[in-house]
Structures are given as structure tokens and as C-alpha cells.
Amino acid sequence: MRIIAAAGLLASLVVSGIMASQSARADILPVPPFKGNDTGGIIAYSMATQTDARQVAVDHCARYGKVVKFLAVQAYEGGYISFSCRWVPYGAADRPIRTLY
């Protein structure tokens, strides 16, 4: 019993030593300039200065038959523009139109 406990302790020390010696790398996966789903998304501020962020968000939400509502803007390098996709309000005649250009 003591041998098993000692082996388990030794294994946990080796694993924790390996993990402690490795540096944390948050920059391994690149962050895309635009990311979204059917509930909303984010647009990188650097992309918004180069393209029409409103039209990107409108086209994205129109794919799901929804309209866009902008939530927040972080107007600095590394910031994001966030938006949500909402259902078409009552009384609207048709679904949103997606531009194809």
C-alpha cells in the first residue's frame, strides 16, 4: 500500500514539475478579426477601420433572418465592436435583405 501511495506522489510531483516548467502561451491561436454565430458576434476594431463594420454585421445577422443591434465599441487598437442578432421586430413586412456584393 505504501509503495502505491509513494508511486502516486512521485508521479504527481513529476507532472506538476513539468507543468510548472512550461510557460503559458496565450498567443498560440490567432484570433480572427470577425467571429459570430446566430446570437451575435465581435468585429476587431482594426478590421472596422478598414471595412464597413455595420455592413459586415448586417450581412451576418441577415443569414439567420435577424437584424443587428450594436452593443459596445472599444475604440482602440486591440479592441472589439460587439453586436447581437435580434429577431425581426413585430410589424416588419419581410425578412432582412442580405446584400450580395
C-alpha atoms as a PDB file:
ATOM      1  CA  MET A   1       0.000   0.000   0.000  1.00  0.00           C
ATOM      2  CA  ARG A   2       2.833   2.393   0.865  1.00  0.00           C
ATOM      3  CA  ILE A   3       4.566   1.638  -2.430  1.00  0.00           C
ATOM      4  CA  ILE A   4       1.444   2.571  -4.406  1.00  0.00           C
ATOM      5  CA  ALA A   5       0.992   5.790  -2.417  1.00  0.00           C
ATOM      6  CA  ALA A   6       4.664   6.694  -2.878  1.00  0.00           C
ATOM      7  CA  ALA A   7       4.464   5.998  -6.627  1.00  0.00           C
ATOM      8  CA  GLY A   8       1.346   8.165  -6.911  1.00  0.00           C
ATOM      9  CA  LEU A   9       3.016  11.001  -5.002  1.00  0.00           C
ATOM     10  CA  LEU A  10       6.120  10.736  -7.172  1.00  0.00           C
ATOM     11  CA  ALA A  11       4.041  10.766 -10.368  1.00  0.00           C
ATOM     12  CA  SER A  12       2.086  13.838  -9.253  1.00  0.00           C
ATOM     13  CA  LEU A  13       5.325  15.651  -8.376  1.00  0.00           C
ATOM     14  CA  VAL A  14       6.794  14.842 -11.785  1.00  0.00           C
ATOM     15  CA  VAL A  15       3.662  16.035 -13.600  1.00  0.00           C
ATOM     16  CA  SER A  16       3.421  19.249 -11.570  1.00  0.00           C
ATOM     17  CA  GLY A  17       7.146  19.883 -12.171  1.00  0.00           C
ATOM     18  CA  ILE A  18       6.680  19.503 -15.910  1.00  0.00           C
ATOM     19  CA  MET A  19       3.686  21.827 -15.892  1.00  0.00           C
ATOM     20  CA  ALA A  20       5.492  24.435 -13.794  1.00  0.00           C
ATOM     21  CA  SER A  21       8.472  24.473 -16.135  1.00  0.00           C
ATOM     22  CA  GLN A  22       6.319  25.193 -19.195  1.00  0.00           C
ATOM     23  CA  SER A  23       5.430  28.813 -19.911  1.00  0.00           C
ATOM     24  CA  ALA A  24       1.856  29.836 -20.522  1.00  0.00           C
ATOM     25  CA  ARG A  25       1.295  30.707 -24.186  1.00  0.00           C
ATOM     26  CA  ALA A  26      -1.828  32.723 -24.860  1.00  0.00           C
ATOM     27  CA  ASP A  27      -0.651  33.751 -28.316  1.00  0.00           C
ATOM     28  CA  ILE A  28      -0.584  30.295 -29.876  1.00  0.00           C
ATOM     29  CA  LEU A  29      -4.012  30.517 -31.535  1.00  0.00           C
ATOM     30  CA  PRO A  30      -4.617  33.582 -33.669  1.00  0.00           C
ATOM     31  CA  VAL A  31      -7.838  35.477 -33.006  1.00  0.00           C
ATOM     32  CA  PRO A  32      -9.882  36.051 -36.162  1.00  0.00           C
ATOM     33  CA  PRO A  33     -10.879  39.656 -36.966  1.00  0.00           C
ATOM     34  CA  PHE A  34     -14.542  38.623 -37.156  1.00  0.00           C
ATOM     35  CA  LYS A  35     -16.318  35.926 -35.200  1.00  0.00           C
ATOM     36  CA  GLY A  36     -20.022  35.318 -34.730  1.00  0.00           C
ATOM     37  CA  ASN A  37     -22.938  32.939 -34.513  1.00  0.00           C
ATOM     38  CA  ASP A  38     -26.740  33.206 -34.556  1.00  0.00           C
ATOM     39  CA  THR A  39     -26.848  35.282 -31.345  1.00  0.00           C
ATOM     40  CA  GLY A  40     -24.275  37.919 -32.308  1.00  0.00           C
ATOM     41  CA  GLY A  41     -20.560  38.406 -32.658  1.00  0.00           C
ATOM     42  CA  ILE A  42     -17.496  40.607 -32.445  1.00  0.00           C
ATOM     43  CA  ILE A  43     -15.517  42.565 -35.012  1.00  0.00           C
ATOM     44  CA  ALA A  44     -11.914  43.569 -34.354  1.00  0.00           C
ATOM     45  CA  TYR A  45     -11.505  47.334 -34.218  1.00  0.00           C
ATOM     46  CA  SER A  46      -8.569  47.121 -36.625  1.00  0.00           C
ATOM     47  CA  MET A  47     -10.873  45.443 -39.187  1.00  0.00           C
ATOM     48  CA  ALA A  48     -13.576  48.043 -38.563  1.00  0.00           C
ATOM     49  CA  THR A  49     -11.193  50.833 -39.553  1.00  0.00           C
ATOM     50  CA  GLN A  50     -10.561  49.131 -42.907  1.00  0.00           C
ATOM     51  CA  THR A  51     -14.055  47.892 -43.832  1.00  0.00           C
ATOM     52  CA  ASP A  52     -17.657  48.863 -43.177  1.00  0.00           C
ATOM     53  CA  ALA A  53     -18.314  47.100 -39.876  1.00  0.00           C
ATOM     54  CA  ARG A  54     -22.020  47.907 -39.969  1.00  0.00           C
ATOM     55  CA  GLN A  55     -22.473  46.139 -43.289  1.00  0.00           C
ATOM     56  CA  VAL A  56     -20.463  43.115 -42.108  1.00  0.00           C
ATOM     57  CA  ALA A  57     -22.714  42.789 -39.052  1.00  0.00           C
ATOM     58  CA  VAL A  58     -25.931  43.335 -41.043  1.00  0.00           C
ATOM     59  CA  ASP A  59     -24.958  40.662 -43.584  1.00  0.00           C
ATOM     60  CA  HIS A  60     -24.021  38.248 -40.816  1.00  0.00           C
ATOM     61  CA  CYS A  61     -27.314  38.603 -38.937  1.00  0.00           C
ATOM     62  CA  ALA A  62     -29.364  38.504 -42.167  1.00  0.00           C
ATOM     63  CA  ARG A  63     -28.059  34.966 -42.768  1.00  0.00           C
ATOM     64  CA  TYR A  64     -30.088  33.919 -39.732  1.00  0.00           C
ATOM     65  CA  GLY A  65     -33.133  36.066 -40.611  1.00  0.00           C
ATOM     66  CA  LYS A  66     -32.367  38.562 -37.851  1.00  0.00           C
ATOM     67  CA  VAL A  67     -31.499  42.237 -37.509  1.00  0.00           C
ATOM     68  CA  VAL A  68     -28.374  43.666 -35.874  1.00  0.00           C
ATOM     69  CA  LYS A  69     -28.132  45.665 -32.653  1.00  0.00           C
ATOM     70  CA  PHE A  70     -24.729  47.101 -31.776  1.00  0.00           C
ATOM     71  CA  LEU A  71     -23.809  46.747 -28.110  1.00  0.00           C
ATOM     72  CA  ALA A  72     -20.368  48.236 -27.425  1.00  0.00           C
ATOM     73  CA  VAL A  73     -17.295  49.711 -29.087  1.00  0.00           C
ATOM     74  CA  GLN A  74     -13.770  49.568 -27.697  1.00  0.00           C
ATOM     75  CA  ALA A  75     -12.203  52.269 -29.881  1.00  0.00           C
ATOM     76  CA  TYR A  76      -8.522  51.397 -29.505  1.00  0.00           C
ATOM     77  CA  GLU A  77      -6.061  49.017 -31.115  1.00  0.00           C
ATOM     78  CA  GLY A  78      -6.847  45.522 -29.864  1.00  0.00           C
ATOM     79  CA  GLY A  79     -10.463  46.427 -29.044  1.00  0.00           C
ATOM     80  CA  TYR A  80     -13.665  44.966 -30.442  1.00  0.00           C
ATOM     81  CA  ILE A  81     -17.072  46.050 -31.661  1.00  0.00           C
ATOM     82  CA  SER A  82     -19.737  43.735 -30.275  1.00  0.00           C
ATOM     83  CA  PHE A  83     -23.231  43.211 -31.651  1.00  0.00           C
ATOM     84  CA  SER A  84     -26.201  40.961 -31.138  1.00  0.00           C
ATOM     85  CA  CYS A  85     -28.566  39.459 -33.682  1.00  0.00           C
ATOM     86  CA  ARG A  86     -32.211  40.016 -32.775  1.00  0.00           C
ATOM     87  CA  TRP A  87     -35.392  38.654 -34.291  1.00  0.00           C
ATOM     88  CA  VAL A  88     -37.138  40.931 -36.762  1.00  0.00           C
ATOM     89  CA  PRO A  89     -39.449  43.291 -34.816  1.00  0.00           C
ATOM     90  CA  TYR A  90     -43.194  42.733 -34.972  1.00  0.00           C
ATOM     91  CA  GLY A  91     -44.869  44.571 -37.825  1.00  0.00           C
ATOM     92  CA  ALA A  92     -41.905  44.251 -40.164  1.00  0.00           C
ATOM     93  CA  ALA A  93     -43.042  43.337 -43.649  1.00  0.00           C
ATOM     94  CA  ASP A  94     -40.277  40.928 -44.663  1.00  0.00           C
ATOM     95  CA  ARG A  95     -37.110  39.276 -43.526  1.00  0.00           C
ATOM     96  CA  PRO A  96     -33.875  41.285 -43.644  1.00  0.00           C
ATOM     97  CA  ILE A  97     -32.246  41.572 -47.050  1.00  0.00           C
ATOM     98  CA  ARG A  98     -28.671  40.382 -47.447  1.00  0.00           C
ATOM     99  CA  THR A  99     -26.663  42.314 -49.998  1.00  0.00           C
ATOM    100  CA  LEU A 100     -24.672  40.218 -52.455  1.00  0.00           C
ATOM    101  CA  TYR A 101     -21.746  42.392 -53.468  1.00  0.00           C
END
